[in-house]
Amino acid sequence: AEAAELRARLRAVRHTVLVLSGKGGVGKSTFSALLAHGLAADETKQVALLDIDICGPSIPKMMGLEGEQVHQSGSGWSPVYVEENLGVMSVGFLLSSPDDAVIWRGPKKNGLIKQFLRDVDWGEVDYLVVDTPPGTSDEHLALVQLLGAARIDGAVILTTPQEVSLQDVRKEINFCRKVKLPIIGVVENMSGFVCPKCKNESQIFPPTTGGAEMMCQNLNVSLLGKVPLDPQIGKSCDRGQSFLAEAPESPATLSYRNIIQRIQEYCEQHHFQEEKIM
C-alpha cells in the first residue's frame, strides 16, 4: 500500500536525478542548486529540488529562501517556489531558526524522507533533483528503496581532484553498483583555479593520482566534466542568487552548461529506452 501511494505521488515526475558523493565539502549542494537553476532556465520545463541533507540543509540559503515556511494544502505539502517553474523542499523550512541543530537517529530521518516523497505536491515535474548528504548510509538506502517505487534516471557523483576525495567517491560508486542505482557520471568540482588578473592556472587540490579522469577510466564511469574554482560561486550562493545568471561568461558557467546538457541528454535517452521496453 505504501509503495502504491508513493508510485501515485511520483507518477507525475518524468526524470529523477540524485546528486551524491562519499565525501563532504565537495560542492554537492552548490551543484544541486545550479543544476536546478540550469534546468529551469528552459521555461517550458518544471523543475523540483528536494534537499534530504537533514543535518546540514543549505539549499534554502543557496536558493534565496531562508525564513520560508512549508504550507499544507488539501493535496499535501506545497513546495516553496523560487520561480514559477522551480519548486524547492527542505528540512530547513521546518526549523524555527537556520541555527537549529537536527539531532535525529536514522529511523526519524528515514520517516521524514518518506514524508517528503509521499506528501509533497510537486504537480507535473520534468526533473526532480535530489541533494543528498555525504556517505552511503541511512538516508541513501532509504531514498533508493523508496524511489524504487518510481523511476530513478541515475546519480551524478561529485568529487574534487585530490586522492583523499577520490578514495571516498570510489566507495560511492561501489554503493551505486551494489544497490543497482545507475550512474549518469562523475563531475570533478574545484578543478583548478585561473587567476583573473595574470590568467595563470593553479591546482588548489592537486590530482596526485590522476584526478577524476583517471578514476573514471579505471572504473568505467563517464566523466561529465570539470568545474574550475570561481570565487563568484560562493558569493552567489551566500546571496541566494544563481551563479549561472550572474556570471554567464565565467569558465565555470560554461562548464556547468555543458554538464547540464549531458545530464539532459542522458535522461532523455534513458526515458526513450524505458518506453521502448514498455
Protein backbone atom coordinates (compact mmCIF):
# COMPACT_ATOMS: atom_id res chain seq x y z
CA ALA A 1 0.00 0.00 0.00
CA GLU A 2 2.84 2.33 0.87
CA ALA A 3 4.63 1.61 -2.42
CA ALA A 4 1.37 2.22 -4.31
CA GLU A 5 0.95 5.57 -2.51
CA LEU A 6 4.49 6.60 -3.43
CA ARG A 7 4.05 5.47 -7.01
CA ALA A 8 0.86 7.51 -7.31
CA ARG A 9 2.60 10.65 -5.97
CA LEU A 10 5.73 10.23 -8.10
CA ARG A 11 3.95 9.19 -11.30
CA ALA A 12 3.92 12.83 -12.39
CA VAL A 13 7.76 13.05 -12.12
CA ARG A 14 9.37 12.41 -15.51
CA HIS A 15 13.07 12.34 -14.52
CA THR A 16 14.78 11.88 -11.14
CA VAL A 17 18.47 12.75 -10.68
CA LEU A 18 20.30 12.11 -7.38
CA VAL A 19 23.40 14.16 -6.52
CA LEU A 20 25.79 12.03 -4.43
CA SER A 21 29.31 11.97 -3.04
CA GLY A 22 31.11 9.85 -0.48
CA LYS A 23 32.91 13.00 0.68
CA GLY A 24 31.60 16.10 2.45
CA GLY A 25 32.59 19.56 1.25
CA VAL A 26 32.94 18.73 -2.44
CA GLY A 27 30.08 21.02 -3.51
CA LYS A 28 27.03 18.71 -3.77
CA SER A 29 24.52 21.33 -2.60
CA THR A 30 26.06 24.01 -4.82
CA PHE A 31 25.93 21.63 -7.78
CA SER A 32 22.32 20.60 -6.98
CA ALA A 33 21.22 24.25 -6.74
CA LEU A 34 22.92 25.21 -10.01
CA LEU A 35 21.68 22.07 -11.79
CA ALA A 36 18.12 23.04 -10.77
CA HIS A 37 18.66 26.65 -11.93
CA GLY A 38 20.19 25.46 -15.20
CA LEU A 39 17.33 23.05 -15.96
CA ALA A 40 14.72 25.69 -15.02
CA ALA A 41 16.30 28.17 -17.46
CA ASP A 42 14.09 26.41 -20.02
CA GLU A 43 10.72 27.91 -19.04
CA THR A 44 8.87 25.00 -20.65
CA LYS A 45 10.35 22.62 -18.04
CA GLN A 46 9.02 22.22 -14.49
CA VAL A 47 11.86 21.55 -12.02
CA ALA A 48 11.77 20.38 -8.39
CA LEU A 49 14.71 20.44 -5.95
CA LEU A 50 14.48 18.17 -2.89
CA ASP A 51 17.05 18.63 -0.11
CA ILE A 52 17.42 15.49 2.04
CA ASP A 53 20.62 16.65 3.75
CA ILE A 54 18.70 16.63 7.02
CA CYS A 55 21.53 17.62 9.39
CA GLY A 56 23.02 20.29 7.10
CA PRO A 57 20.28 21.76 4.90
CA SER A 58 22.00 24.53 2.92
CA ILE A 59 19.61 24.62 -0.07
CA PRO A 60 17.23 27.26 1.44
CA LYS A 61 20.19 29.68 1.82
CA MET A 62 21.57 28.94 -1.67
CA MET A 63 18.17 29.37 -3.32
CA GLY A 64 17.42 32.65 -1.50
CA LEU A 65 14.58 31.05 0.51
CA GLU A 66 15.79 31.40 4.12
CA GLY A 67 12.94 32.04 6.54
CA GLU A 68 10.30 30.50 4.25
CA GLN A 69 7.80 28.05 5.74
CA VAL A 70 6.11 24.94 4.34
CA HIS A 71 2.35 25.26 3.77
CA GLN A 72 -0.16 22.44 3.93
CA SER A 73 -2.80 22.17 1.23
CA GLY A 74 -5.58 19.66 0.59
CA SER A 75 -3.23 17.66 -1.65
CA GLY A 76 -0.18 17.69 0.68
CA TRP A 77 2.77 19.96 1.44
CA SER A 78 3.28 22.79 -1.03
CA PRO A 79 6.88 23.36 -2.20
CA VAL A 80 8.44 26.81 -1.84
CA TYR A 81 8.89 28.38 -5.29
CA VAL A 82 11.94 30.32 -6.50
CA GLU A 83 10.43 30.79 -9.94
CA GLU A 84 7.10 29.64 -11.36
CA ASN A 85 8.81 26.55 -12.75
CA LEU A 86 11.27 25.86 -9.88
CA GLY A 87 9.98 24.47 -6.56
CA VAL A 88 12.07 23.55 -3.50
CA MET A 89 11.54 21.39 -0.40
CA SER A 90 13.98 21.12 2.51
CA VAL A 91 14.01 20.29 6.22
CA GLY A 92 15.38 23.84 6.55
CA PHE A 93 11.82 25.12 6.02
CA LEU A 94 10.65 23.14 9.06
CA LEU A 95 13.18 24.66 11.50
CA SER A 96 12.39 27.71 13.63
CA SER A 97 15.91 29.10 13.03
CA PRO A 98 18.70 28.35 10.49
CA ASP A 99 20.97 27.72 13.52
CA ASP A 100 18.77 24.91 14.93
CA ALA A 101 20.55 21.54 15.08
CA VAL A 102 18.66 18.47 13.84
CA ILE A 103 19.63 15.74 16.33
CA TRP A 104 17.82 12.70 14.97
CA ARG A 105 18.52 8.99 14.73
CA GLY A 106 18.18 7.06 11.47
CA PRO A 107 14.50 5.99 11.71
CA LYS A 108 13.32 9.59 12.21
CA LYS A 109 15.41 10.79 9.25
CA ASN A 110 14.02 7.97 7.09
CA GLY A 111 10.49 8.91 8.18
CA LEU A 112 10.98 12.49 7.00
CA ILE A 113 12.42 11.36 3.64
CA LYS A 114 9.37 9.12 3.18
CA GLN A 115 7.11 12.06 4.07
CA PHE A 116 8.87 14.33 1.57
CA LEU A 117 8.41 11.78 -1.23
CA ARG A 118 4.84 10.87 -0.30
CA ASP A 119 3.34 14.17 0.87
CA VAL A 120 4.92 16.96 -1.20
CA ASP A 121 2.60 18.02 -4.02
CA TRP A 122 5.06 18.86 -6.81
CA GLY A 123 2.45 18.58 -9.55
CA GLU A 124 3.71 17.64 -13.03
CA VAL A 125 7.52 17.73 -12.91
CA ASP A 126 10.05 17.24 -15.71
CA TYR A 127 13.10 16.99 -13.42
CA LEU A 128 13.33 16.14 -9.72
CA VAL A 129 16.87 16.90 -8.43
CA VAL A 130 17.68 15.34 -5.03
CA ASP A 131 20.52 16.80 -2.95
CA THR A 132 21.85 14.14 -0.53
CA PRO A 133 24.21 14.18 2.47
CA PRO A 134 27.71 12.69 2.10
CA GLY A 135 28.21 8.96 2.58
CA THR A 136 26.45 5.67 1.91
CA SER A 137 24.23 5.20 4.95
CA ASP A 138 20.64 5.52 6.22
CA GLU A 139 19.39 8.39 4.07
CA HIS A 140 20.82 6.93 0.86
CA LEU A 141 19.41 3.44 1.46
CA ALA A 142 16.00 4.87 2.41
CA LEU A 143 15.96 7.07 -0.69
CA VAL A 144 16.93 4.29 -3.12
CA GLN A 145 14.42 1.87 -1.58
CA LEU A 146 11.58 4.41 -1.55
CA LEU A 147 12.30 5.66 -5.06
CA GLY A 148 12.35 2.04 -6.20
CA ALA A 149 8.57 2.52 -6.30
CA ALA A 150 9.12 5.14 -9.02
CA ARG A 151 11.78 5.78 -11.67
CA ILE A 152 15.33 6.96 -10.99
CA ASP A 153 17.27 8.05 -14.07
CA GLY A 154 20.53 7.87 -12.14
CA ALA A 155 23.09 9.55 -9.93
CA VAL A 156 25.58 12.34 -10.58
CA ILE A 157 28.62 11.83 -8.32
CA LEU A 158 30.70 14.82 -7.19
CA THR A 159 34.39 14.78 -6.33
CA THR A 160 37.35 17.11 -6.07
CA PRO A 161 40.65 16.16 -7.79
CA GLN A 162 42.75 15.02 -4.80
CA GLU A 163 43.12 11.39 -3.72
CA VAL A 164 41.59 11.94 -0.27
CA SER A 165 38.29 12.79 -2.02
CA LEU A 166 38.54 10.14 -4.76
CA GLN A 167 39.01 7.46 -2.10
CA ASP A 168 35.53 8.15 -0.69
CA VAL A 169 33.98 8.63 -4.13
CA ARG A 170 35.11 5.13 -5.19
CA LYS A 171 33.07 3.83 -2.25
CA GLU A 172 30.04 5.81 -3.51
CA ILE A 173 30.40 4.29 -7.00
CA ASN A 174 30.62 0.85 -5.37
CA PHE A 175 27.47 1.66 -3.34
CA CYS A 176 25.57 2.63 -6.51
CA ARG A 177 26.54 -0.63 -8.18
CA LYS A 178 25.52 -2.71 -5.16
CA VAL A 179 22.05 -1.14 -4.92
CA LYS A 180 21.67 -1.13 -8.75
CA LEU A 181 21.47 2.66 -8.98
CA PRO A 182 22.51 3.82 -12.49
CA ILE A 183 25.43 6.27 -12.59
CA ILE A 184 24.94 9.16 -15.01
CA GLY A 185 28.55 10.23 -14.48
CA VAL A 186 31.12 11.98 -12.31
CA VAL A 187 31.76 15.73 -12.02
CA GLU A 188 35.19 16.95 -10.89
CA ASN A 189 34.46 20.11 -8.91
CA MET A 190 37.03 22.78 -7.87
CA SER A 191 39.19 21.58 -10.75
CA GLY A 192 41.95 24.17 -10.85
CA PHE A 193 41.78 27.96 -10.46
CA VAL A 194 42.57 30.54 -13.16
CA CYS A 195 43.76 33.84 -11.69
CA PRO A 196 41.50 36.62 -13.11
CA LYS A 197 44.49 39.02 -13.27
CA CYS A 198 47.50 37.04 -14.52
CA LYS A 199 45.48 34.16 -16.10
CA ASN A 200 47.85 31.56 -14.62
CA GLU A 201 46.19 28.31 -13.57
CA SER A 202 46.84 26.87 -10.10
CA GLN A 203 45.90 23.41 -8.85
CA ILE A 204 44.42 24.13 -5.42
CA PHE A 205 43.65 20.42 -4.99
CA PRO A 206 46.47 18.64 -6.87
CA PRO A 207 45.32 15.49 -8.71
CA THR A 208 48.18 13.34 -7.38
CA THR A 209 46.66 10.08 -8.68
CA GLY A 210 45.27 11.43 -11.97
CA GLY A 211 42.11 13.04 -10.60
CA ALA A 212 38.55 12.12 -11.58
CA GLU A 213 39.60 11.43 -15.18
CA MET A 214 41.87 8.53 -14.23
CA MET A 215 39.36 7.20 -11.69
CA CYS A 216 36.57 7.21 -14.30
CA GLN A 217 38.76 5.35 -16.78
CA ASN A 218 39.67 2.73 -14.16
CA LEU A 219 36.07 2.22 -13.01
CA ASN A 220 34.42 2.55 -16.44
CA VAL A 221 32.27 5.54 -15.48
CA SER A 222 31.57 8.66 -17.59
CA LEU A 223 33.32 11.91 -16.65
CA LEU A 224 30.62 14.55 -17.24
CA GLY A 225 33.02 17.48 -16.90
CA LYS A 226 35.36 19.55 -14.74
CA VAL A 227 34.23 22.73 -12.99
CA PRO A 228 37.02 25.22 -12.16
CA LEU A 229 37.01 27.26 -8.95
CA ASP A 230 35.44 30.70 -9.21
CA PRO A 231 35.11 32.91 -6.08
CA GLN A 232 31.86 34.29 -7.52
CA ILE A 233 30.19 30.88 -6.98
CA GLY A 234 30.50 31.21 -3.20
CA LYS A 235 29.32 34.84 -3.26
CA SER A 236 26.28 34.00 -5.40
CA CYS A 237 25.32 31.07 -3.14
CA ASP A 238 25.60 33.23 0.00
CA ARG A 239 23.28 35.80 -1.60
CA GLY A 240 20.84 33.13 -2.78
CA GLN A 241 21.36 34.04 -6.44
CA SER A 242 22.04 31.85 -9.48
CA PHE A 243 25.75 31.99 -10.35
CA LEU A 244 24.89 30.89 -13.90
CA ALA A 245 22.81 34.07 -14.37
CA GLU A 246 25.23 36.37 -12.52
CA ALA A 247 28.42 35.24 -14.31
CA PRO A 248 27.35 33.95 -17.75
CA GLU A 249 30.86 34.32 -19.25
CA SER A 250 32.75 32.51 -16.45
CA PRO A 251 34.59 29.30 -17.49
CA ALA A 252 32.77 27.61 -14.58
CA THR A 253 29.38 28.62 -16.06
CA LEU A 254 30.36 27.25 -19.48
CA SER A 255 31.44 24.00 -17.83
CA TYR A 256 28.15 23.80 -15.88
CA ARG A 257 26.12 24.35 -19.04
CA ASN A 258 27.95 21.51 -20.84
CA ILE A 259 27.44 19.17 -17.86
CA ILE A 260 23.74 20.05 -17.58
CA GLN A 261 23.28 19.39 -21.30
CA ARG A 262 24.91 15.96 -20.93
CA ILE A 263 22.64 15.11 -17.99
CA GLN A 264 19.57 16.13 -20.01
CA GLU A 265 20.70 14.01 -22.97
CA TYR A 266 21.26 11.02 -20.68
CA CYS A 267 17.79 11.41 -19.09
CA GLU A 268 16.04 11.68 -22.46
CA GLN A 269 17.89 8.60 -23.74
CA HIS A 270 17.05 6.69 -20.54
CA HIS A 271 13.38 7.66 -20.86
CA PHE A 272 13.31 6.62 -24.54
CA GLN A 273 14.84 3.20 -23.73
CA GLU A 274 12.30 2.63 -20.91
CA GLU A 275 9.38 3.49 -23.18
CA LYS A 276 10.79 1.09 -25.80
CA ILE A 277 10.92 -1.75 -23.24
CA MET A 278 7.37 -0.99 -22.06
